Amino acid sequence: MTPYPTKITFGEMREMGVRGVLVYCRHRCGHHTEISADGWADDVRLSDIEPRFVCQRCGKRGAEIRPDHQRAKMGTDA
């Protein structure tokens, strides 16, 4: 397994207006979830916590965590 690349901090992510993260099983079993990022301190990096996650489907340790940039809503303001 390749090492976890260094990612942004939760504080940097929140500065961009992002309040949640997407968590994907690192072992490609297809399991993923969306969670709030409010519980982590600003100085913690997303990559710091990736090795601690345990997949609820396959039981293996390790995740890929990404900021949850909400998709833009289609349409216009009238």
PDB file of N, CA and C in Angstrom:
ATOM      1  N   MET A   1       0.854  -1.173   0.000  1.00  0.00           N
ATOM      2  CA  MET A   1       0.000   0.000   0.000  1.00  0.00           C
ATOM      3  C   MET A   1       0.900   1.235   0.000  1.00  0.00           C
ATOM      4  N   THR A   2       0.568   2.182  -0.837  1.00  0.00           N
ATOM      5  CA  THR A   2       1.362   3.404  -0.905  1.00  0.00           C
ATOM      6  C   THR A   2       1.081   4.279   0.314  1.00  0.00           C
ATOM      7  N   PRO A   3       2.061   5.089   0.719  1.00  0.00           N
ATOM      8  CA  PRO A   3       1.836   5.969   1.863  1.00  0.00           C
ATOM      9  C   PRO A   3       0.762   7.010   1.555  1.00  0.00           C
ATOM     10  N   TYR A   4       0.195   7.541   2.616  1.00  0.00           N
ATOM     11  CA  TYR A   4      -0.842   8.553   2.464  1.00  0.00           C
ATOM     12  C   TYR A   4      -0.202   9.893   2.093  1.00  0.00           C
ATOM     13  N   PRO A   5      -0.605  10.510   0.985  1.00  0.00           N
ATOM     14  CA  PRO A   5      -0.052  11.823   0.629  1.00  0.00           C
ATOM     15  C   PRO A   5      -0.560  12.883   1.614  1.00  0.00           C
ATOM     16  N   THR A   6       0.257  13.897   1.868  1.00  0.00           N
ATOM     17  CA  THR A   6      -0.125  14.980   2.774  1.00  0.00           C
ATOM     18  C   THR A   6      -1.217  15.817   2.128  1.00  0.00           C
ATOM     19  N   LYS A   7      -2.279  16.045   2.892  1.00  0.00           N
ATOM     20  CA  LYS A   7      -3.426  16.808   2.388  1.00  0.00           C
ATOM     21  C   LYS A   7      -3.623  18.069   3.212  1.00  0.00           C
ATOM     22  N   ILE A   8      -4.603  18.871   2.835  1.00  0.00           N
ATOM     23  CA  ILE A   8      -4.898  20.125   3.516  1.00  0.00           C
ATOM     24  C   ILE A   8      -5.410  19.883   4.932  1.00  0.00           C
ATOM     25  N   THR A   9      -5.397  20.945   5.727  1.00  0.00           N
ATOM     26  CA  THR A   9      -5.938  20.853   7.081  1.00  0.00           C
ATOM     27  C   THR A   9      -7.445  21.097   7.052  1.00  0.00           C
ATOM     28  N   PHE A  10      -8.106  20.704   8.137  1.00  0.00           N
ATOM     29  CA  PHE A  10      -9.536  20.972   8.239  1.00  0.00           C
ATOM     30  C   PHE A  10      -9.795  22.477   8.279  1.00  0.00           C
ATOM     31  N   GLY A  11      -8.875  23.242   8.889  1.00  0.00           N
ATOM     32  CA  GLY A  11      -9.013  24.696   8.909  1.00  0.00           C
ATOM     33  C   GLY A  11      -8.961  25.283   7.512  1.00  0.00           C
ATOM     34  N   GLU A  12      -8.015  24.821   6.680  1.00  0.00           N
ATOM     35  CA  GLU A  12      -7.919  25.294   5.292  1.00  0.00           C
ATOM     36  C   GLU A  12      -9.181  24.934   4.518  1.00  0.00           C
ATOM     37  N   MET A  13      -9.686  23.745   4.781  1.00  0.00           N
ATOM     38  CA  MET A  13     -10.894  23.297   4.099  1.00  0.00           C
ATOM     39  C   MET A  13     -12.086  24.181   4.487  1.00  0.00           C
ATOM     40  N   ARG A  14     -12.212  24.477   5.778  1.00  0.00           N
ATOM     41  CA  ARG A  14     -13.318  25.323   6.243  1.00  0.00           C
ATOM     42  C   ARG A  14     -13.212  26.742   5.710  1.00  0.00           C
ATOM     43  N   GLU A  15     -11.970  27.247   5.533  1.00  0.00           N
ATOM     44  CA  GLU A  15     -11.777  28.575   4.944  1.00  0.00           C
ATOM     45  C   GLU A  15     -12.341  28.645   3.527  1.00  0.00           C
ATOM     46  N   MET A  16     -12.390  27.510   2.844  1.00  0.00           N
ATOM     47  CA  MET A  16     -12.970  27.441   1.495  1.00  0.00           C
ATOM     48  C   MET A  16     -14.489  27.284   1.550  1.00  0.00           C
ATOM     49  N   GLY A  17     -15.045  27.217   2.760  1.00  0.00           N
ATOM     50  CA  GLY A  17     -16.486  27.087   2.916  1.00  0.00           C
ATOM     51  C   GLY A  17     -16.990  25.657   2.922  1.00  0.00           C
ATOM     52  N   VAL A  18     -16.095  24.688   3.030  1.00  0.00           N
ATOM     53  CA  VAL A  18     -16.478  23.280   3.014  1.00  0.00           C
ATOM     54  C   VAL A  18     -16.624  22.786   4.447  1.00  0.00           C
ATOM     55  N   ARG A  19     -17.750  22.163   4.777  1.00  0.00           N
ATOM     56  CA  ARG A  19     -18.036  21.719   6.138  1.00  0.00           C
ATOM     57  C   ARG A  19     -18.115  20.203   6.289  1.00  0.00           C
ATOM     58  N   GLY A  20     -17.992  19.466   5.203  1.00  0.00           N
ATOM     59  CA  GLY A  20     -18.099  18.016   5.266  1.00  0.00           C
ATOM     60  C   GLY A  20     -17.016  17.339   4.448  1.00  0.00           C
ATOM     61  N   VAL A  21     -16.871  16.037   4.664  1.00  0.00           N
ATOM     62  CA  VAL A  21     -15.892  15.252   3.914  1.00  0.00           C
ATOM     63  C   VAL A  21     -16.547  13.995   3.352  1.00  0.00           C
ATOM     64  N   LEU A  22     -15.958  13.507   2.282  1.00  0.00           N
ATOM     65  CA  LEU A  22     -16.331  12.228   1.683  1.00  0.00           C
ATOM     66  C   LEU A  22     -15.258  11.227   2.081  1.00  0.00           C
ATOM     67  N   VAL A  23     -15.674  10.083   2.603  1.00  0.00           N
ATOM     68  CA  VAL A  23     -14.739   9.055   3.066  1.00  0.00           C
ATOM     69  C   VAL A  23     -14.933   7.818   2.195  1.00  0.00           C
ATOM     70  N   TYR A  24     -13.864   7.408   1.516  1.00  0.00           N
ATOM     71  CA  TYR A  24     -13.889   6.243   0.630  1.00  0.00           C
ATOM     72  C   TYR A  24     -12.976   5.157   1.181  1.00  0.00           C
ATOM     73  N   CYS A  25     -13.412   3.905   1.100  1.00  0.00           N
ATOM     74  CA  CYS A  25     -12.554   2.792   1.498  1.00  0.00           C
ATOM     75  C   CYS A  25     -11.304   2.796   0.619  1.00  0.00           C
ATOM     76  N   ARG A  26     -10.155   2.730   1.255  1.00  0.00           N
ATOM     77  CA  ARG A  26      -8.881   2.748   0.532  1.00  0.00           C
ATOM     78  C   ARG A  26      -8.653   1.440  -0.225  1.00  0.00           C
ATOM     79  N   HIS A  27      -9.416   0.423   0.083  1.00  0.00           N
ATOM     80  CA  HIS A  27      -9.201  -0.899  -0.505  1.00  0.00           C
ATOM     81  C   HIS A  27     -10.148  -1.193  -1.658  1.00  0.00           C
ATOM     82  N   ARG A  28     -10.834  -0.173  -2.113  1.00  0.00           N
ATOM     83  CA  ARG A  28     -11.656  -0.244  -3.330  1.00  0.00           C
ATOM     84  C   ARG A  28     -12.804  -1.234  -3.239  1.00  0.00           C
ATOM     85  N   CYS A  29     -13.352  -1.422  -2.049  1.00  0.00           N
ATOM     86  CA  CYS A  29     -14.513  -2.314  -1.932  1.00  0.00           C
ATOM     87  C   CYS A  29     -15.791  -1.592  -2.374  1.00  0.00           C
ATOM     88  N   GLY A  30     -15.675  -0.283  -2.607  1.00  0.00           N
ATOM     89  CA  GLY A  30     -16.817   0.480  -3.088  1.00  0.00           C
ATOM     90  C   GLY A  30     -17.579   1.199  -1.994  1.00  0.00           C
ATOM     91  N   HIS A  31     -17.232   0.972  -0.739  1.00  0.00           N
ATOM     92  CA  HIS A  31     -17.961   1.614   0.356  1.00  0.00           C
ATOM     93  C   HIS A  31     -17.487   3.054   0.535  1.00  0.00           C
ATOM     94  N   HIS A  32     -18.446   3.946   0.745  1.00  0.00           N
ATOM     95  CA  HIS A  32     -18.120   5.344   1.002  1.00  0.00           C
ATOM     96  C   HIS A  32     -19.241   5.972   1.814  1.00  0.00           C
ATOM     97  N   THR A  33     -18.936   7.107   2.425  1.00  0.00           N
ATOM     98  CA  THR A  33     -19.930   7.818   3.219  1.00  0.00           C
ATOM     99  C   THR A  33     -19.592   9.305   3.239  1.00  0.00           C
ATOM    100  N   GLU A  34     -20.555  10.106   3.634  1.00  0.00           N
ATOM    101  CA  GLU A  34     -20.364  11.547   3.811  1.00  0.00           C
ATOM    102  C   GLU A  34     -20.508  11.833   5.296  1.00  0.00           C
ATOM    103  N   ILE A  35     -19.568  12.619   5.861  1.00  0.00           N
ATOM    104  CA  ILE A  35     -19.663  12.977   7.268  1.00  0.00           C
ATOM    105  C   ILE A  35     -19.308  14.438   7.477  1.00  0.00           C
ATOM    106  N   SER A  36     -19.755  14.981   8.594  1.00  0.00           N
ATOM    107  CA  SER A  36     -19.426  16.348   8.981  1.00  0.00           C
ATOM    108  C   SER A  36     -17.963  16.407   9.406  1.00  0.00           C
ATOM    109  N   ALA A  37     -17.316  17.524   9.104  1.00  0.00           N
ATOM    110  CA  ALA A  37     -15.923  17.713   9.498  1.00  0.00           C
ATOM    111  C   ALA A  37     -15.802  18.573  10.744  1.00  0.00           C
ATOM    112  N   ASP A  38     -16.915  18.900  11.361  1.00  0.00           N
ATOM    113  CA  ASP A  38     -16.904  19.819  12.499  1.00  0.00           C
ATOM    114  C   ASP A  38     -16.182  19.275  13.729  1.00  0.00           C
ATOM    115  N   GLY A  39     -16.002  17.992  13.844  1.00  0.00           N
ATOM    116  CA  GLY A  39     -15.394  17.394  15.027  1.00  0.00           C
ATOM    117  C   GLY A  39     -13.876  17.460  15.083  1.00  0.00           C
ATOM    118  N   TRP A  40     -13.220  17.829  13.995  1.00  0.00           N
ATOM    119  CA  TRP A  40     -11.767  17.858  13.969  1.00  0.00           C
ATOM    120  C   TRP A  40     -11.247  19.281  14.095  1.00  0.00           C
ATOM    121  N   ALA A  41     -10.129  19.417  14.783  1.00  0.00           N
ATOM    122  CA  ALA A  41      -9.500  20.729  14.992  1.00  0.00           C
ATOM    123  C   ALA A  41      -8.947  21.268  13.674  1.00  0.00           C
ATOM    124  N   ASP A  42      -8.807  22.593  13.616  1.00  0.00           N
ATOM    125  CA  ASP A  42      -8.343  23.255  12.399  1.00  0.00           C
ATOM    126  C   ASP A  42      -6.959  22.815  11.949  1.00  0.00           C
ATOM    127  N   ASP A  43      -6.070  22.429  12.885  1.00  0.00           N
ATOM    128  CA  ASP A  43      -4.697  22.087  12.512  1.00  0.00           C
ATOM    129  C   ASP A  43      -4.504  20.630  12.101  1.00  0.00           C
ATOM    130  N   VAL A  44      -5.556  19.823  12.157  1.00  0.00           N
ATOM    131  CA  VAL A  44      -5.473  18.412  11.766  1.00  0.00           C
ATOM    132  C   VAL A  44      -5.602  18.299  10.249  1.00  0.00           C
ATOM    133  N   ARG A  45      -4.730  17.512   9.642  1.00  0.00           N
ATOM    134  CA  ARG A  45      -4.781  17.296   8.186  1.00  0.00           C
ATOM    135  C   ARG A  45      -5.697  16.122   7.880  1.00  0.00           C
ATOM    136  N   LEU A  46      -6.372  16.189   6.736  1.00  0.00           N
ATOM    137  CA  LEU A  46      -7.213  15.079   6.315  1.00  0.00           C
ATOM    138  C   LEU A  46      -6.393  13.792   6.279  1.00  0.00           C
ATOM    139  N   SER A  47      -5.156  13.882   5.803  1.00  0.00           N
ATOM    140  CA  SER A  47      -4.290  12.705   5.705  1.00  0.00           C
ATOM    141  C   SER A  47      -3.878  12.166   7.081  1.00  0.00           C
ATOM    142  N   ASP A  48      -3.955  12.986   8.135  1.00  0.00           N
ATOM    143  CA  ASP A  48      -3.612  12.522   9.480  1.00  0.00           C
ATOM    144  C   ASP A  48      -4.586  11.466   9.986  1.00  0.00           C
ATOM    145  N   ILE A  49      -5.845  11.556   9.579  1.00  0.00           N
ATOM    146  CA  ILE A  49      -6.851  10.641  10.116  1.00  0.00           C
ATOM    147  C   ILE A  49      -7.190   9.487   9.173  1.00  0.00           C
ATOM    148  N   GLU A  50      -6.731   9.546   7.928  1.00  0.00           N
ATOM    149  CA  GLU A  50      -7.058   8.488   6.961  1.00  0.00           C
ATOM    150  C   GLU A  50      -6.688   7.077   7.430  1.00  0.00           C
ATOM    151  N   PRO A  51      -5.526   6.869   8.037  1.00  0.00           N
ATOM    152  CA  PRO A  51      -5.168   5.505   8.452  1.00  0.00           C
ATOM    153  C   PRO A  51      -6.036   4.967   9.590  1.00  0.00           C
ATOM    154  N   ARG A  52      -6.756   5.822  10.287  1.00  0.00           N
ATOM    155  CA  ARG A  52      -7.524   5.392  11.463  1.00  0.00           C
ATOM    156  C   ARG A  52      -8.917   4.867  11.136  1.00  0.00           C
ATOM    157  N   PHE A  53      -9.419   5.133   9.948  1.00  0.00           N
ATOM    158  CA  PHE A  53     -10.766   4.692   9.590  1.00  0.00           C
ATOM    159  C   PHE A  53     -10.787   3.199   9.288  1.00  0.00           C
ATOM    160  N   VAL A  54     -11.850   2.523   9.718  1.00  0.00           N
ATOM    161  CA  VAL A  54     -12.064   1.104   9.428  1.00  0.00           C
ATOM    162  C   VAL A  54     -13.348   0.990   8.620  1.00  0.00           C
ATOM    163  N   CYS A  55     -13.267   0.353   7.462  1.00  0.00           N
ATOM    164  CA  CYS A  55     -14.419   0.211   6.576  1.00  0.00           C
ATOM    165  C   CYS A  55     -15.485  -0.671   7.238  1.00  0.00           C
ATOM    166  N   GLN A  56     -16.711  -0.199   7.220  1.00  0.00           N
ATOM    167  CA  GLN A  56     -17.820  -0.954   7.799  1.00  0.00           C
ATOM    168  C   GLN A  56     -18.264  -2.110   6.897  1.00  0.00           C
ATOM    169  N   ARG A  57     -17.835  -2.122   5.643  1.00  0.00           N
ATOM    170  CA  ARG A  57     -18.198  -3.204   4.730  1.00  0.00           C
ATOM    171  C   ARG A  57     -17.150  -4.311   4.724  1.00  0.00           C
ATOM    172  N   CYS A  58     -15.883  -3.970   4.441  1.00  0.00           N
ATOM    173  CA  CYS A  58     -14.858  -5.015   4.298  1.00  0.00           C
ATOM    174  C   CYS A  58     -14.012  -5.202   5.551  1.00  0.00           C
ATOM    175  N   GLY A  59     -14.079  -4.266   6.502  1.00  0.00           N
ATOM    176  CA  GLY A  59     -13.360  -4.392   7.753  1.00  0.00           C
ATOM    177  C   GLY A  59     -11.895  -4.007   7.707  1.00  0.00           C
ATOM    178  N   LYS A  60     -11.416  -3.535   6.561  1.00  0.00           N
ATOM    179  CA  LYS A  60     -10.008  -3.160   6.447  1.00  0.00           C
ATOM    180  C   LYS A  60      -9.810  -1.712   6.902  1.00  0.00           C
ATOM    181  N   ARG A  61      -8.610  -1.446   7.384  1.00  0.00           N
ATOM    182  CA  ARG A  61      -8.261  -0.116   7.877  1.00  0.00           C
ATOM    183  C   ARG A  61      -7.678   0.722   6.741  1.00  0.00           C
ATOM    184  N   GLY A  62      -8.053   2.015   6.736  1.00  0.00           N
ATOM    185  CA  GLY A  62      -7.515   2.959   5.769  1.00  0.00           C
ATOM    186  C   GLY A  62      -8.606   3.536   4.886  1.00  0.00           C
ATOM    187  N   ALA A  63      -8.547   4.855   4.708  1.00  0.00           N
ATOM    188  CA  ALA A  63      -9.556   5.535   3.903  1.00  0.00           C
ATOM    189  C   ALA A  63      -8.897   6.616   3.067  1.00  0.00           C
ATOM    190  N   GLU A  64      -9.619   7.053   2.068  1.00  0.00           N
ATOM    191  CA  GLU A  64      -9.244   8.249   1.322  1.00  0.00           C
ATOM    192  C   GLU A  64     -10.302   9.286   1.656  1.00  0.00           C
ATOM    193  N   ILE A  65      -9.870  10.417   2.185  1.00  0.00           N
ATOM    194  CA  ILE A  65     -10.803  11.454   2.616  1.00  0.00           C
ATOM    195  C   ILE A  65     -10.627  12.678   1.728  1.00  0.00           C
ATOM    196  N   ARG A  66     -11.749  13.184   1.239  1.00  0.00           N
ATOM    197  CA  ARG A  66     -11.750  14.360   0.351  1.00  0.00           C
ATOM    198  C   ARG A  66     -12.761  15.376   0.852  1.00  0.00           C
ATOM    199  N   PRO A  67     -12.472  16.659   0.639  1.00  0.00           N
ATOM    200  CA  PRO A  67     -13.471  17.674   0.969  1.00  0.00           C
ATOM    201  C   PRO A  67     -14.737  17.434   0.152  1.00  0.00           C
ATOM    202  N   ASP A  68     -15.873  17.660   0.760  1.00  0.00           N
ATOM    203  CA  ASP A  68     -17.157  17.477   0.079  1.00  0.00           C
ATOM    204  C   ASP A  68     -17.607  18.823  -0.485  1.00  0.00           C
ATOM    205  N   HIS A  69     -17.108  19.132  -1.665  1.00  0.00           N
ATOM    206  CA  HIS A  69     -17.520  20.356  -2.358  1.00  0.00           C
ATOM    207  C   HIS A  69     -18.910  20.128  -2.912  1.00  0.00           C
ATOM    208  N   GLN A  70     -19.897  20.766  -2.323  1.00  0.00           N
ATOM    209  CA  GLN A  70     -21.276  20.570  -2.751  1.00  0.00           C
ATOM    210  C   GLN A  70     -21.421  20.984  -4.216  1.00  0.00           C
ATOM    211  N   ARG A  71     -22.178  20.201  -4.933  1.00  0.00           N
ATOM    212  CA  ARG A  71     -22.411  20.515  -6.349  1.00  0.00           C
ATOM    213  C   ARG A  71     -23.244  21.771  -6.470  1.00  0.00           C
ATOM    214  N   ALA A  72     -22.922  22.556  -7.475  1.00  0.00           N
ATOM    215  CA  ALA A  72     -23.670  23.781  -7.724  1.00  0.00           C
ATOM    216  C   ALA A  72     -25.094  23.442  -8.130  1.00  0.00           C
ATOM    217  N   LYS A  73     -26.025  24.215  -7.680  1.00  0.00           N
ATOM    218  CA  LYS A  73     -27.426  24.020  -8.045  1.00  0.00           C
ATOM    219  C   LYS A  73     -27.647  24.592  -9.440  1.00  0.00           C
ATOM    220  N   MET A  74     -28.408  23.882 -10.239  1.00  0.00           N
ATOM    221  CA  MET A  74     -28.717  24.331 -11.591  1.00  0.00           C
ATOM    222  C   MET A  74     -29.852  25.326 -11.567  1.00  0.00           C
ATOM    223  N   GLY A  75     -29.851  26.244 -12.480  1.00  0.00           N
ATOM    224  CA  GLY A  75     -30.945  27.205 -12.557  1.00  0.00           C
ATOM    225  C   GLY A  75     -30.439  28.617 -12.284  1.00  0.00           C
ATOM    226  N   THR A  76     -31.380  29.535 -12.271  1.00  0.00           N
ATOM    227  CA  THR A  76     -31.045  30.926 -12.035  1.00  0.00           C
ATOM    228  C   THR A  76     -31.941  31.505 -10.977  1.00  0.00           C
ATOM    229  N   ASP A  77     -31.480  32.561 -10.356  1.00  0.00           N
ATOM    230  CA  ASP A  77     -32.304  33.294  -9.397  1.00  0.00           C
ATOM    231  C   ASP A  77     -33.234  34.209 -10.177  1.00  0.00           C
ATOM    232  N   ALA A  78     -34.507  34.166  -9.855  1.00  0.00           N
ATOM    233  CA  ALA A  78     -35.459  35.026 -10.573  1.00  0.00           C
ATOM    234  C   ALA A  78     -35.920  36.156  -9.699  1.00  0.00           C
TER     235      ALA A  78
END
